[in-house]
């Protein structure tokens, strides 16, 4: 069951990461794709939080009690990531020029909200990079299960080199 949950997490996290990369480049994807993809990313983030809710509650309860420094760091980073994502998505909704007008909702253009949106987005990029770095060994482990790498022993590699040199 644990492995199945890991695969679900990996697929959702991977899809969220790809969506985030595309959404952070609205000049390349276009504003409409940026906005709609970001709204779907918000739904994926909620799903991600629900899948990890037990961990969130568990670490939250023992944050100042007995837990590892890595769990505390991860918890703080995730809390900051949640705040930055929330600000980015909320301000993005408020400054929407494509998605929400299509639904009949419009807001006056607000440069302060646009500035806040861009700043929160930049912070989110930084925090997401740290999040990926902290979880890098898990990511690599999951990728190795998908793409098995054949490891050749040193003696076999040397003998192959020697065979190639003799020909």
Foldseek 3Di string as FASTA:
>chain_A
DVVVLLVVLLVLVVVLVVLLVLLVCCVVVPQQSNLVSLVVSVVSVVVNCVSCVVLLVVCVVQVVHDDDPLSNVLNVLVVLLVVLSVLLNVLCVQQRPHPVVVVVDHDPHDVVSVVSNVVSSVVNVVSVVVNCVSCVVSNVVVVCVVPPDDDDDPVVVVVVVVVVVVD
